[in-house]
Amino acid sequence: MFRARNLIRAQTSPRLAPYVAFGAVLLALWLICLIPTAHLADTPERFLAYSGAGLALVVGATALAGELAARGTRRSFGDVPLPPDADPYRLAMAEKLVAEGVLCPDPGTNWLARIMAERKLREYGIRFPRRTSAIWAAVSCVQAGFLVWWLSTEGLSVETGWLLFTLLCNVLFVLLHPSMAARDRRCAEAVRDAYDHYAAGGRHS
């Protein structure tokens, strides 16, 4: 339900919604990082310099992520936007239908499912699964290089353990993404084709 409301909000305010979301997360991380920064900086001037640099990075990253997310939102919805008064409950059910590749007896929910199926088929990871896996494989290689360097210089620590965990997650994503993307594509195409057949006068089960 929360995701459904966010989808509607992102469409009505494609730039504001991602700015607020990314800004809140990055600002929280910046505030958390102020704690170790206060211990590392030996003078108040250096602490202010580090804090200011971090805040500038937060602003820049928020602007970049917000613009990319807004552009992706416009591209994904394209000519089939969600109605601004869409029921969040129906939208959540529509997403579930797309994930399962089926329709339901409610025509309104099926219409939303048709829109979400088209949106799913426009996602970059669904359209180019191998390219997406290659990008994440490159990221994993960079992570592996950092992990080897970190282990050789600092040994095993909480940071290296966390880096190893994220590396394993990325490798798992690289291996599983093609099959997951193919399944999502089949389910979205099934919903799209079934709804178009139903709208043309056919029947669906």
N, C-alpha and C. Protein backbone atom coordinates (compact mmCIF):
# COMPACT_ATOMS: atom_id res chain seq x y z
N MET A 1 0.83 -1.20 0.00
CA MET A 1 0.00 0.00 0.00
C MET A 1 0.87 1.26 0.00
N PHE A 2 1.94 1.22 0.81
CA PHE A 2 2.85 2.37 0.87
C PHE A 2 3.51 2.60 -0.48
N ARG A 3 3.93 1.50 -1.13
CA ARG A 3 4.55 1.63 -2.45
C ARG A 3 3.55 2.15 -3.47
N ALA A 4 2.31 1.71 -3.38
CA ALA A 4 1.29 2.17 -4.33
C ALA A 4 1.07 3.67 -4.19
N ARG A 5 1.00 4.15 -2.98
CA ARG A 5 0.84 5.60 -2.77
C ARG A 5 2.04 6.36 -3.32
N ASN A 6 3.23 5.80 -3.13
CA ASN A 6 4.43 6.46 -3.64
C ASN A 6 4.44 6.50 -5.16
N LEU A 7 3.93 5.45 -5.81
CA LEU A 7 3.86 5.45 -7.27
C LEU A 7 2.96 6.57 -7.78
N ILE A 8 1.81 6.73 -7.14
CA ILE A 8 0.89 7.80 -7.54
C ILE A 8 1.52 9.16 -7.28
N ARG A 9 2.17 9.30 -6.13
CA ARG A 9 2.81 10.57 -5.79
C ARG A 9 3.96 10.87 -6.73
N ALA A 10 4.72 9.85 -7.11
CA ALA A 10 5.85 10.06 -8.02
C ALA A 10 5.39 10.50 -9.39
N GLN A 11 4.22 10.01 -9.82
CA GLN A 11 3.73 10.40 -11.13
C GLN A 11 3.19 11.82 -11.12
N THR A 12 2.46 12.19 -10.07
CA THR A 12 1.91 13.54 -10.01
C THR A 12 3.00 14.58 -9.77
N SER A 13 4.05 14.19 -9.04
CA SER A 13 5.18 15.09 -8.79
C SER A 13 6.47 14.34 -9.10
N PRO A 14 6.79 14.14 -10.38
CA PRO A 14 7.93 13.29 -10.74
C PRO A 14 9.27 13.80 -10.25
N ARG A 15 9.40 15.10 -10.02
CA ARG A 15 10.66 15.64 -9.56
C ARG A 15 10.68 15.79 -8.03
N LEU A 16 9.57 16.20 -7.45
CA LEU A 16 9.53 16.45 -6.01
C LEU A 16 9.68 15.16 -5.21
N ALA A 17 8.96 14.11 -5.62
CA ALA A 17 8.96 12.87 -4.85
C ALA A 17 10.36 12.27 -4.71
N PRO A 18 11.13 12.08 -5.79
CA PRO A 18 12.47 11.52 -5.61
C PRO A 18 13.43 12.46 -4.87
N TYR A 19 13.25 13.77 -5.06
CA TYR A 19 14.09 14.71 -4.32
C TYR A 19 13.89 14.53 -2.82
N VAL A 20 12.63 14.44 -2.40
CA VAL A 20 12.34 14.29 -0.97
C VAL A 20 12.86 12.96 -0.45
N ALA A 21 12.63 11.89 -1.21
CA ALA A 21 13.05 10.56 -0.76
C ALA A 21 14.57 10.45 -0.64
N PHE A 22 15.27 10.78 -1.72
CA PHE A 22 16.73 10.68 -1.70
C PHE A 22 17.34 11.69 -0.73
N GLY A 23 16.76 12.89 -0.68
CA GLY A 23 17.27 13.90 0.23
C GLY A 23 17.17 13.48 1.67
N ALA A 24 16.05 12.88 2.05
CA ALA A 24 15.86 12.45 3.43
C ALA A 24 16.85 11.35 3.80
N VAL A 25 17.04 10.38 2.90
CA VAL A 25 17.96 9.27 3.19
C VAL A 25 19.40 9.77 3.28
N LEU A 26 19.82 10.56 2.30
CA LEU A 26 21.20 11.04 2.29
C LEU A 26 21.48 12.00 3.43
N LEU A 27 20.48 12.81 3.79
CA LEU A 27 20.67 13.72 4.91
C LEU A 27 20.81 12.95 6.22
N ALA A 28 20.03 11.87 6.36
CA ALA A 28 20.15 11.04 7.56
C ALA A 28 21.54 10.39 7.63
N LEU A 29 22.03 9.90 6.49
CA LEU A 29 23.38 9.33 6.47
C LEU A 29 24.44 10.37 6.80
N TRP A 30 24.24 11.60 6.31
CA TRP A 30 25.19 12.66 6.60
C TRP A 30 25.22 12.97 8.09
N LEU A 31 24.05 13.00 8.72
CA LEU A 31 23.99 13.26 10.15
C LEU A 31 24.66 12.14 10.94
N ILE A 32 24.47 10.90 10.49
CA ILE A 32 25.12 9.78 11.17
C ILE A 32 26.64 9.86 11.03
N CYS A 33 27.09 10.25 9.85
CA CYS A 33 28.54 10.35 9.62
C CYS A 33 29.19 11.49 10.40
N LEU A 34 28.39 12.43 10.89
CA LEU A 34 28.95 13.52 11.69
C LEU A 34 29.54 13.01 13.00
N ILE A 35 29.02 11.88 13.49
CA ILE A 35 29.51 11.35 14.77
C ILE A 35 30.97 10.91 14.67
N PRO A 36 31.33 10.02 13.71
CA PRO A 36 32.76 9.68 13.61
C PRO A 36 33.61 10.85 13.12
N THR A 37 33.01 11.75 12.34
CA THR A 37 33.77 12.90 11.87
C THR A 37 34.22 13.77 13.03
N ALA A 38 33.36 13.91 14.03
CA ALA A 38 33.71 14.72 15.20
C ALA A 38 34.91 14.14 15.95
N HIS A 39 35.06 12.82 15.91
CA HIS A 39 36.19 12.19 16.59
C HIS A 39 37.46 12.24 15.73
N LEU A 40 37.30 12.20 14.42
CA LEU A 40 38.46 12.20 13.54
C LEU A 40 39.06 13.59 13.35
N ALA A 41 38.20 14.61 13.35
CA ALA A 41 38.69 15.98 13.15
C ALA A 41 39.31 16.49 14.45
N ASP A 42 40.54 16.99 14.35
CA ASP A 42 41.24 17.44 15.55
C ASP A 42 40.98 18.90 15.88
N THR A 43 40.38 19.65 14.97
CA THR A 43 40.06 21.06 15.22
C THR A 43 38.64 21.36 14.76
N PRO A 44 38.00 22.37 15.36
CA PRO A 44 36.64 22.74 14.91
C PRO A 44 36.60 23.16 13.45
N GLU A 45 37.66 23.83 12.99
CA GLU A 45 37.68 24.27 11.59
C GLU A 45 37.68 23.08 10.64
N ARG A 46 38.47 22.05 10.99
CA ARG A 46 38.50 20.87 10.12
C ARG A 46 37.16 20.13 10.15
N PHE A 47 36.54 20.10 11.32
CA PHE A 47 35.22 19.46 11.41
C PHE A 47 34.20 20.18 10.53
N LEU A 48 34.23 21.51 10.56
CA LEU A 48 33.31 22.27 9.71
C LEU A 48 33.60 22.05 8.23
N ALA A 49 34.90 21.94 7.90
CA ALA A 49 35.26 21.71 6.50
C ALA A 49 34.76 20.34 6.03
N TYR A 50 34.99 19.31 6.85
CA TYR A 50 34.51 17.97 6.49
C TYR A 50 32.99 17.94 6.40
N SER A 51 32.34 18.59 7.36
CA SER A 51 30.88 18.60 7.37
C SER A 51 30.33 19.33 6.15
N GLY A 52 30.95 20.46 5.81
CA GLY A 52 30.50 21.21 4.64
C GLY A 52 30.70 20.43 3.35
N ALA A 53 31.84 19.74 3.25
CA ALA A 53 32.08 18.93 2.05
C ALA A 53 31.07 17.80 1.95
N GLY A 54 30.78 17.18 3.09
CA GLY A 54 29.79 16.11 3.09
C GLY A 54 28.40 16.61 2.72
N LEU A 55 28.04 17.79 3.22
CA LEU A 55 26.74 18.36 2.90
C LEU A 55 26.64 18.71 1.42
N ALA A 56 27.75 19.21 0.86
CA ALA A 56 27.76 19.51 -0.58
C ALA A 56 27.58 18.24 -1.40
N LEU A 57 28.20 17.15 -0.97
CA LEU A 57 28.01 15.87 -1.66
C LEU A 57 26.57 15.39 -1.56
N VAL A 58 25.97 15.61 -0.39
CA VAL A 58 24.56 15.22 -0.21
C VAL A 58 23.66 15.98 -1.17
N VAL A 59 23.89 17.28 -1.28
CA VAL A 59 23.07 18.11 -2.17
C VAL A 59 23.26 17.67 -3.63
N GLY A 60 24.52 17.47 -4.02
CA GLY A 60 24.79 17.05 -5.40
C GLY A 60 24.22 15.68 -5.71
N ALA A 61 24.40 14.73 -4.78
CA ALA A 61 23.87 13.38 -5.01
C ALA A 61 22.35 13.37 -5.04
N THR A 62 21.73 14.21 -4.20
CA THR A 62 20.27 14.30 -4.20
C THR A 62 19.76 14.84 -5.52
N ALA A 63 20.41 15.89 -6.02
CA ALA A 63 20.00 16.47 -7.31
C ALA A 63 20.17 15.46 -8.44
N LEU A 64 21.31 14.76 -8.46
CA LEU A 64 21.57 13.79 -9.52
C LEU A 64 20.57 12.64 -9.46
N ALA A 65 20.40 12.06 -8.26
CA ALA A 65 19.48 10.93 -8.12
C ALA A 65 18.05 11.35 -8.40
N GLY A 66 17.67 12.56 -7.94
CA GLY A 66 16.32 13.03 -8.17
C GLY A 66 16.01 13.23 -9.64
N GLU A 67 16.94 13.82 -10.38
CA GLU A 67 16.72 14.03 -11.80
C GLU A 67 16.68 12.71 -12.57
N LEU A 68 17.58 11.78 -12.22
CA LEU A 68 17.57 10.48 -12.89
C LEU A 68 16.28 9.72 -12.60
N ALA A 69 15.84 9.78 -11.33
CA ALA A 69 14.60 9.09 -10.97
C ALA A 69 13.40 9.71 -11.65
N ALA A 70 13.36 11.05 -11.73
CA ALA A 70 12.24 11.73 -12.40
C ALA A 70 12.21 11.38 -13.88
N ARG A 71 13.39 11.34 -14.50
CA ARG A 71 13.45 10.97 -15.92
C ARG A 71 12.99 9.54 -16.14
N GLY A 72 13.42 8.65 -15.23
CA GLY A 72 12.99 7.26 -15.35
C GLY A 72 11.50 7.09 -15.14
N THR A 73 10.93 7.89 -14.23
CA THR A 73 9.48 7.82 -13.99
C THR A 73 8.72 8.25 -15.23
N ARG A 74 9.14 9.35 -15.85
CA ARG A 74 8.45 9.81 -17.06
C ARG A 74 8.57 8.79 -18.19
N ARG A 75 9.74 8.17 -18.32
CA ARG A 75 9.94 7.21 -19.40
C ARG A 75 9.13 5.95 -19.15
N SER A 76 9.07 5.50 -17.89
CA SER A 76 8.38 4.25 -17.61
C SER A 76 6.88 4.37 -17.81
N PHE A 77 6.30 5.52 -17.45
CA PHE A 77 4.86 5.68 -17.63
C PHE A 77 4.53 6.06 -19.07
N GLY A 78 5.33 6.92 -19.68
CA GLY A 78 5.13 7.26 -21.08
C GLY A 78 3.72 7.70 -21.39
N ASP A 79 3.09 7.02 -22.36
CA ASP A 79 1.74 7.37 -22.80
C ASP A 79 0.66 6.64 -22.01
N VAL A 80 1.03 5.88 -20.99
CA VAL A 80 0.03 5.15 -20.20
C VAL A 80 0.18 5.51 -18.72
N PRO A 81 -0.08 6.75 -18.36
CA PRO A 81 0.08 7.15 -16.96
C PRO A 81 -1.04 6.60 -16.09
N LEU A 82 -0.75 6.49 -14.81
CA LEU A 82 -1.78 6.11 -13.85
C LEU A 82 -2.75 7.27 -13.65
N PRO A 83 -4.02 6.98 -13.43
CA PRO A 83 -4.95 8.07 -13.11
C PRO A 83 -4.58 8.70 -11.77
N PRO A 84 -4.64 10.03 -11.65
CA PRO A 84 -4.24 10.67 -10.40
C PRO A 84 -5.08 10.26 -9.20
N ASP A 85 -6.34 9.82 -9.46
CA ASP A 85 -7.21 9.41 -8.37
C ASP A 85 -7.26 7.89 -8.22
N ALA A 86 -6.21 7.21 -8.66
CA ALA A 86 -6.17 5.75 -8.56
C ALA A 86 -6.23 5.30 -7.10
N ASP A 87 -6.98 4.24 -6.87
CA ASP A 87 -7.11 3.68 -5.52
C ASP A 87 -5.81 2.95 -5.16
N PRO A 88 -5.12 3.34 -4.09
CA PRO A 88 -3.87 2.66 -3.73
C PRO A 88 -4.04 1.16 -3.50
N TYR A 89 -5.20 0.76 -2.94
CA TYR A 89 -5.42 -0.67 -2.70
C TYR A 89 -5.50 -1.42 -4.03
N ARG A 90 -6.26 -0.87 -4.97
CA ARG A 90 -6.36 -1.51 -6.28
C ARG A 90 -5.01 -1.53 -6.99
N LEU A 91 -4.24 -0.46 -6.83
CA LEU A 91 -2.93 -0.41 -7.47
C LEU A 91 -2.00 -1.47 -6.88
N ALA A 92 -2.06 -1.66 -5.56
CA ALA A 92 -1.25 -2.70 -4.93
C ALA A 92 -1.67 -4.09 -5.43
N MET A 93 -2.98 -4.30 -5.59
CA MET A 93 -3.46 -5.57 -6.13
C MET A 93 -3.02 -5.73 -7.59
N ALA A 94 -3.01 -4.63 -8.34
CA ALA A 94 -2.59 -4.68 -9.74
C ALA A 94 -1.12 -5.10 -9.85
N GLU A 95 -0.28 -4.58 -8.97
CA GLU A 95 1.13 -4.98 -8.98
C GLU A 95 1.28 -6.47 -8.68
N LYS A 96 0.44 -6.97 -7.77
CA LYS A 96 0.48 -8.40 -7.46
C LYS A 96 0.05 -9.23 -8.67
N LEU A 97 -0.97 -8.76 -9.39
CA LEU A 97 -1.41 -9.47 -10.59
C LEU A 97 -0.31 -9.52 -11.64
N VAL A 98 0.40 -8.40 -11.81
CA VAL A 98 1.50 -8.37 -12.78
C VAL A 98 2.61 -9.34 -12.37
N ALA A 99 2.88 -9.41 -11.07
CA ALA A 99 3.92 -10.33 -10.59
C ALA A 99 3.53 -11.79 -10.82
N GLU A 100 2.21 -12.07 -10.79
CA GLU A 100 1.74 -13.45 -10.97
C GLU A 100 1.35 -13.75 -12.41
N GLY A 101 1.20 -12.70 -13.24
CA GLY A 101 0.86 -12.92 -14.64
C GLY A 101 -0.58 -13.31 -14.88
N VAL A 102 -1.51 -12.82 -14.04
CA VAL A 102 -2.93 -13.17 -14.17
C VAL A 102 -3.77 -11.92 -14.04
N LEU A 103 -5.05 -12.05 -14.41
CA LEU A 103 -6.03 -10.99 -14.20
C LEU A 103 -7.00 -11.42 -13.11
N CYS A 104 -7.88 -10.51 -12.72
CA CYS A 104 -8.86 -10.78 -11.67
C CYS A 104 -10.25 -10.39 -12.17
N PRO A 105 -11.30 -10.67 -11.42
CA PRO A 105 -12.66 -10.33 -11.88
C PRO A 105 -12.96 -8.83 -11.90
N ASP A 106 -12.15 -8.01 -11.24
CA ASP A 106 -12.44 -6.58 -11.15
C ASP A 106 -11.86 -5.85 -12.36
N PRO A 107 -12.70 -5.25 -13.22
CA PRO A 107 -12.18 -4.55 -14.41
C PRO A 107 -11.26 -3.38 -14.09
N GLY A 108 -11.59 -2.63 -13.02
CA GLY A 108 -10.76 -1.49 -12.67
C GLY A 108 -9.36 -1.89 -12.26
N THR A 109 -9.25 -2.96 -11.48
CA THR A 109 -7.93 -3.46 -11.09
C THR A 109 -7.18 -4.00 -12.29
N ASN A 110 -7.89 -4.67 -13.19
CA ASN A 110 -7.25 -5.19 -14.41
C ASN A 110 -6.69 -4.06 -15.27
N TRP A 111 -7.42 -2.95 -15.33
CA TRP A 111 -6.95 -1.80 -16.10
C TRP A 111 -5.65 -1.26 -15.52
N LEU A 112 -5.60 -1.16 -14.18
CA LEU A 112 -4.36 -0.71 -13.53
C LEU A 112 -3.24 -1.73 -13.76
N ALA A 113 -3.59 -3.02 -13.74
CA ALA A 113 -2.59 -4.05 -13.99
C ALA A 113 -2.03 -3.94 -15.41
N ARG A 114 -2.89 -3.59 -16.36
CA ARG A 114 -2.42 -3.40 -17.74
C ARG A 114 -1.41 -2.25 -17.82
N ILE A 115 -1.70 -1.17 -17.10
CA ILE A 115 -0.77 -0.04 -17.07
C ILE A 115 0.55 -0.43 -16.43
N MET A 116 0.47 -1.14 -15.29
CA MET A 116 1.69 -1.52 -14.59
C MET A 116 2.48 -2.56 -15.38
N ALA A 117 1.79 -3.41 -16.15
CA ALA A 117 2.50 -4.37 -16.99
C ALA A 117 3.30 -3.66 -18.07
N GLU A 118 2.69 -2.65 -18.68
CA GLU A 118 3.41 -1.87 -19.69
C GLU A 118 4.60 -1.15 -19.06
N ARG A 119 4.41 -0.65 -17.86
CA ARG A 119 5.50 0.03 -17.15
C ARG A 119 6.63 -0.96 -16.83
N LYS A 120 6.26 -2.16 -16.41
CA LYS A 120 7.27 -3.18 -16.11
C LYS A 120 8.09 -3.53 -17.36
N LEU A 121 7.40 -3.63 -18.50
CA LEU A 121 8.10 -3.99 -19.73
C LEU A 121 9.03 -2.89 -20.22
N ARG A 122 8.84 -1.66 -19.73
CA ARG A 122 9.71 -0.56 -20.13
C ARG A 122 10.91 -0.39 -19.21
N GLU A 123 10.97 -1.14 -18.12
CA GLU A 123 12.09 -1.02 -17.20
C GLU A 123 13.38 -1.48 -17.88
N TYR A 124 14.46 -0.79 -17.56
CA TYR A 124 15.75 -1.08 -18.20
C TYR A 124 16.20 -2.51 -17.92
N GLY A 125 16.06 -2.94 -16.67
CA GLY A 125 16.51 -4.28 -16.32
C GLY A 125 15.72 -5.38 -16.99
N ILE A 126 14.46 -5.10 -17.36
CA ILE A 126 13.64 -6.08 -18.06
C ILE A 126 13.97 -6.08 -19.55
N ARG A 127 14.18 -4.90 -20.11
CA ARG A 127 14.48 -4.79 -21.54
C ARG A 127 15.88 -5.30 -21.87
N PHE A 128 16.83 -5.02 -20.98
CA PHE A 128 18.23 -5.40 -21.24
C PHE A 128 18.78 -6.17 -20.03
N PRO A 129 18.35 -7.39 -19.80
CA PRO A 129 18.80 -8.13 -18.61
C PRO A 129 20.29 -8.45 -18.63
N ARG A 130 20.83 -8.80 -19.81
CA ARG A 130 22.25 -9.14 -19.87
C ARG A 130 23.12 -7.90 -19.65
N ARG A 131 22.69 -6.79 -20.21
CA ARG A 131 23.44 -5.56 -20.02
C ARG A 131 23.43 -5.14 -18.55
N THR A 132 22.27 -5.30 -17.91
CA THR A 132 22.16 -4.97 -16.49
C THR A 132 23.07 -5.86 -15.66
N SER A 133 23.07 -7.16 -15.95
CA SER A 133 23.95 -8.08 -15.23
C SER A 133 25.42 -7.73 -15.46
N ALA A 134 25.76 -7.31 -16.67
CA ALA A 134 27.15 -6.93 -16.96
C ALA A 134 27.57 -5.71 -16.14
N ILE A 135 26.65 -4.76 -16.00
CA ILE A 135 26.96 -3.57 -15.20
C ILE A 135 27.22 -3.96 -13.75
N TRP A 136 26.34 -4.80 -13.20
CA TRP A 136 26.53 -5.22 -11.81
C TRP A 136 27.75 -6.11 -11.66
N ALA A 137 28.10 -6.86 -12.70
CA ALA A 137 29.33 -7.66 -12.63
C ALA A 137 30.55 -6.76 -12.56
N ALA A 138 30.53 -5.65 -13.32
CA ALA A 138 31.64 -4.69 -13.25
C ALA A 138 31.73 -4.07 -11.86
N VAL A 139 30.58 -3.73 -11.29
CA VAL A 139 30.57 -3.19 -9.92
C VAL A 139 31.13 -4.22 -8.94
N SER A 140 30.77 -5.49 -9.13
CA SER A 140 31.28 -6.54 -8.25
C SER A 140 32.79 -6.69 -8.37
N CYS A 141 33.32 -6.54 -9.58
CA CYS A 141 34.77 -6.62 -9.76
C CYS A 141 35.49 -5.49 -9.02
N VAL A 142 34.91 -4.30 -9.09
CA VAL A 142 35.49 -3.17 -8.36
C VAL A 142 35.44 -3.44 -6.86
N GLN A 143 34.30 -3.95 -6.39
CA GLN A 143 34.17 -4.28 -4.97
C GLN A 143 35.19 -5.34 -4.56
N ALA A 144 35.38 -6.34 -5.41
CA ALA A 144 36.35 -7.39 -5.10
C ALA A 144 37.76 -6.82 -4.99
N GLY A 145 38.10 -5.88 -5.88
CA GLY A 145 39.40 -5.24 -5.79
C GLY A 145 39.59 -4.48 -4.50
N PHE A 146 38.56 -3.71 -4.11
CA PHE A 146 38.62 -2.99 -2.84
C PHE A 146 38.72 -3.95 -1.66
N LEU A 147 38.00 -5.07 -1.74
CA LEU A 147 38.02 -6.03 -0.64
C LEU A 147 39.41 -6.63 -0.47
N VAL A 148 40.04 -7.01 -1.58
CA VAL A 148 41.39 -7.58 -1.50
C VAL A 148 42.37 -6.56 -0.93
N TRP A 149 42.26 -5.32 -1.41
CA TRP A 149 43.17 -4.28 -0.91
C TRP A 149 42.93 -4.01 0.57
N TRP A 150 41.66 -3.98 0.97
CA TRP A 150 41.33 -3.69 2.37
C TRP A 150 41.80 -4.82 3.28
N LEU A 151 41.61 -6.07 2.85
CA LEU A 151 42.05 -7.20 3.66
C LEU A 151 43.56 -7.24 3.80
N SER A 152 44.28 -6.87 2.74
CA SER A 152 45.74 -6.90 2.79
C SER A 152 46.32 -5.77 3.63
N THR A 153 45.59 -4.68 3.78
CA THR A 153 46.11 -3.53 4.53
C THR A 153 45.59 -3.48 5.96
N GLU A 154 44.32 -3.81 6.16
CA GLU A 154 43.72 -3.67 7.49
C GLU A 154 43.28 -4.98 8.10
N GLY A 155 43.24 -6.04 7.32
CA GLY A 155 42.80 -7.32 7.84
C GLY A 155 41.29 -7.38 7.97
N LEU A 156 40.83 -8.42 8.65
CA LEU A 156 39.39 -8.63 8.80
C LEU A 156 38.82 -7.65 9.82
N SER A 157 37.75 -6.97 9.45
CA SER A 157 37.10 -6.01 10.33
C SER A 157 35.62 -5.95 9.99
N VAL A 158 34.91 -5.09 10.70
CA VAL A 158 33.48 -4.93 10.42
C VAL A 158 33.27 -4.38 9.01
N GLU A 159 34.13 -3.44 8.61
CA GLU A 159 34.00 -2.84 7.28
C GLU A 159 34.23 -3.87 6.18
N THR A 160 35.29 -4.69 6.33
CA THR A 160 35.55 -5.70 5.31
C THR A 160 34.46 -6.77 5.30
N GLY A 161 33.93 -7.09 6.47
CA GLY A 161 32.83 -8.05 6.52
C GLY A 161 31.60 -7.53 5.80
N TRP A 162 31.30 -6.25 5.99
CA TRP A 162 30.16 -5.65 5.31
C TRP A 162 30.39 -5.58 3.80
N LEU A 163 31.62 -5.26 3.40
CA LEU A 163 31.94 -5.21 1.97
C LEU A 163 31.83 -6.60 1.35
N LEU A 164 32.26 -7.62 2.08
CA LEU A 164 32.13 -8.99 1.58
C LEU A 164 30.66 -9.38 1.43
N PHE A 165 29.85 -8.98 2.40
CA PHE A 165 28.41 -9.30 2.33
C PHE A 165 27.76 -8.64 1.11
N THR A 166 28.05 -7.36 0.89
CA THR A 166 27.47 -6.67 -0.27
C THR A 166 28.00 -7.25 -1.58
N LEU A 167 29.27 -7.68 -1.58
CA LEU A 167 29.83 -8.31 -2.78
C LEU A 167 29.10 -9.61 -3.10
N LEU A 168 28.85 -10.42 -2.08
CA LEU A 168 28.13 -11.67 -2.30
C LEU A 168 26.71 -11.41 -2.79
N CYS A 169 26.06 -10.37 -2.25
CA CYS A 169 24.71 -10.02 -2.71
C CYS A 169 24.73 -9.60 -4.18
N ASN A 170 25.73 -8.82 -4.56
CA ASN A 170 25.83 -8.38 -5.96
C ASN A 170 26.10 -9.55 -6.90
N VAL A 171 26.97 -10.46 -6.48
CA VAL A 171 27.25 -11.64 -7.30
C VAL A 171 25.99 -12.48 -7.46
N LEU A 172 25.24 -12.64 -6.36
CA LEU A 172 23.99 -13.39 -6.43
C LEU A 172 23.00 -12.72 -7.38
N PHE A 173 22.96 -11.38 -7.34
CA PHE A 173 22.07 -10.65 -8.25
C PHE A 173 22.49 -10.86 -9.70
N VAL A 174 23.79 -10.83 -9.96
CA VAL A 174 24.29 -11.03 -11.32
C VAL A 174 23.86 -12.40 -11.85
N LEU A 175 23.92 -13.41 -10.99
CA LEU A 175 23.59 -14.77 -11.42
C LEU A 175 22.09 -14.97 -11.60
N LEU A 176 21.29 -14.35 -10.75
CA LEU A 176 19.85 -14.60 -10.76
C LEU A 176 19.06 -13.62 -11.61
N HIS A 177 19.62 -12.46 -11.90
CA HIS A 177 18.84 -11.43 -12.59
C HIS A 177 18.31 -11.86 -13.95
N PRO A 178 19.10 -12.50 -14.82
CA PRO A 178 18.54 -12.87 -16.13
C PRO A 178 17.29 -13.73 -16.04
N SER A 179 17.31 -14.75 -15.17
CA SER A 179 16.13 -15.61 -15.05
C SER A 179 14.97 -14.87 -14.40
N MET A 180 15.25 -14.02 -13.41
CA MET A 180 14.19 -13.24 -12.77
C MET A 180 13.58 -12.24 -13.74
N ALA A 181 14.43 -11.60 -14.54
CA ALA A 181 13.93 -10.64 -15.53
C ALA A 181 13.08 -11.34 -16.58
N ALA A 182 13.50 -12.54 -17.00
CA ALA A 182 12.72 -13.29 -17.99
C ALA A 182 11.36 -13.67 -17.43
N ARG A 183 11.33 -14.07 -16.16
CA ARG A 183 10.04 -14.41 -15.55
C ARG A 183 9.15 -13.18 -15.45
N ASP A 184 9.70 -12.06 -14.99
CA ASP A 184 8.91 -10.83 -14.88
C ASP A 184 8.39 -10.39 -16.25
N ARG A 185 9.20 -10.56 -17.25
CA ARG A 185 8.77 -10.19 -18.61
C ARG A 185 7.61 -11.07 -19.07
N ARG A 186 7.73 -12.38 -18.84
CA ARG A 186 6.65 -13.29 -19.24
C ARG A 186 5.35 -12.96 -18.52
N CYS A 187 5.43 -12.68 -17.23
CA CYS A 187 4.23 -12.37 -16.46
C CYS A 187 3.61 -11.05 -16.93
N ALA A 188 4.44 -10.04 -17.17
CA ALA A 188 3.92 -8.75 -17.63
C ALA A 188 3.29 -8.89 -19.02
N GLU A 189 3.93 -9.65 -19.89
CA GLU A 189 3.37 -9.87 -21.23
C GLU A 189 2.06 -10.65 -21.16
N ALA A 190 1.98 -11.60 -20.21
CA ALA A 190 0.74 -12.36 -20.06
C ALA A 190 -0.41 -11.46 -19.63
N VAL A 191 -0.15 -10.56 -18.68
CA VAL A 191 -1.18 -9.62 -18.25
C VAL A 191 -1.57 -8.68 -19.39
N ARG A 192 -0.59 -8.15 -20.09
CA ARG A 192 -0.88 -7.24 -21.20
C ARG A 192 -1.70 -7.93 -22.29
N ASP A 193 -1.28 -9.12 -22.69
CA ASP A 193 -1.99 -9.82 -23.77
C ASP A 193 -3.39 -10.24 -23.33
N ALA A 194 -3.52 -10.71 -22.08
CA ALA A 194 -4.83 -11.13 -21.60
C ALA A 194 -5.78 -9.95 -21.51
N TYR A 195 -5.29 -8.81 -21.04
CA TYR A 195 -6.17 -7.65 -20.95
C TYR A 195 -6.57 -7.14 -22.33
N ASP A 196 -5.62 -7.10 -23.26
CA ASP A 196 -5.94 -6.64 -24.61
C ASP A 196 -6.95 -7.58 -25.27
N HIS A 197 -6.81 -8.88 -25.02
CA HIS A 197 -7.77 -9.85 -25.56
C HIS A 197 -9.15 -9.63 -24.93
N TYR A 198 -9.15 -9.39 -23.62
CA TYR A 198 -10.41 -9.15 -22.91
C TYR A 198 -11.06 -7.85 -23.40
N ALA A 199 -10.25 -6.81 -23.57
CA ALA A 199 -10.79 -5.52 -24.02
C ALA A 199 -11.32 -5.60 -25.44
N ALA A 200 -10.74 -6.50 -26.24
CA ALA A 200 -11.19 -6.65 -27.62
C ALA A 200 -12.45 -7.51 -27.75
N GLY A 201 -12.93 -8.04 -26.61
CA GLY A 201 -14.17 -8.82 -26.63
C GLY A 201 -13.98 -10.27 -26.31
N GLY A 202 -12.70 -10.68 -26.00
CA GLY A 202 -12.47 -12.07 -25.63
C GLY A 202 -12.77 -12.30 -24.17
N ARG A 203 -12.45 -13.47 -23.72
CA ARG A 203 -12.68 -13.83 -22.32
C ARG A 203 -11.35 -14.22 -21.70
N HIS A 204 -11.28 -13.98 -20.41
CA HIS A 204 -10.08 -14.42 -19.69
C HIS A 204 -10.53 -15.25 -18.50
N SER A 205 -9.66 -16.07 -18.07
CA SER A 205 -9.99 -16.92 -16.94
C SER A 205 -9.27 -16.44 -15.71
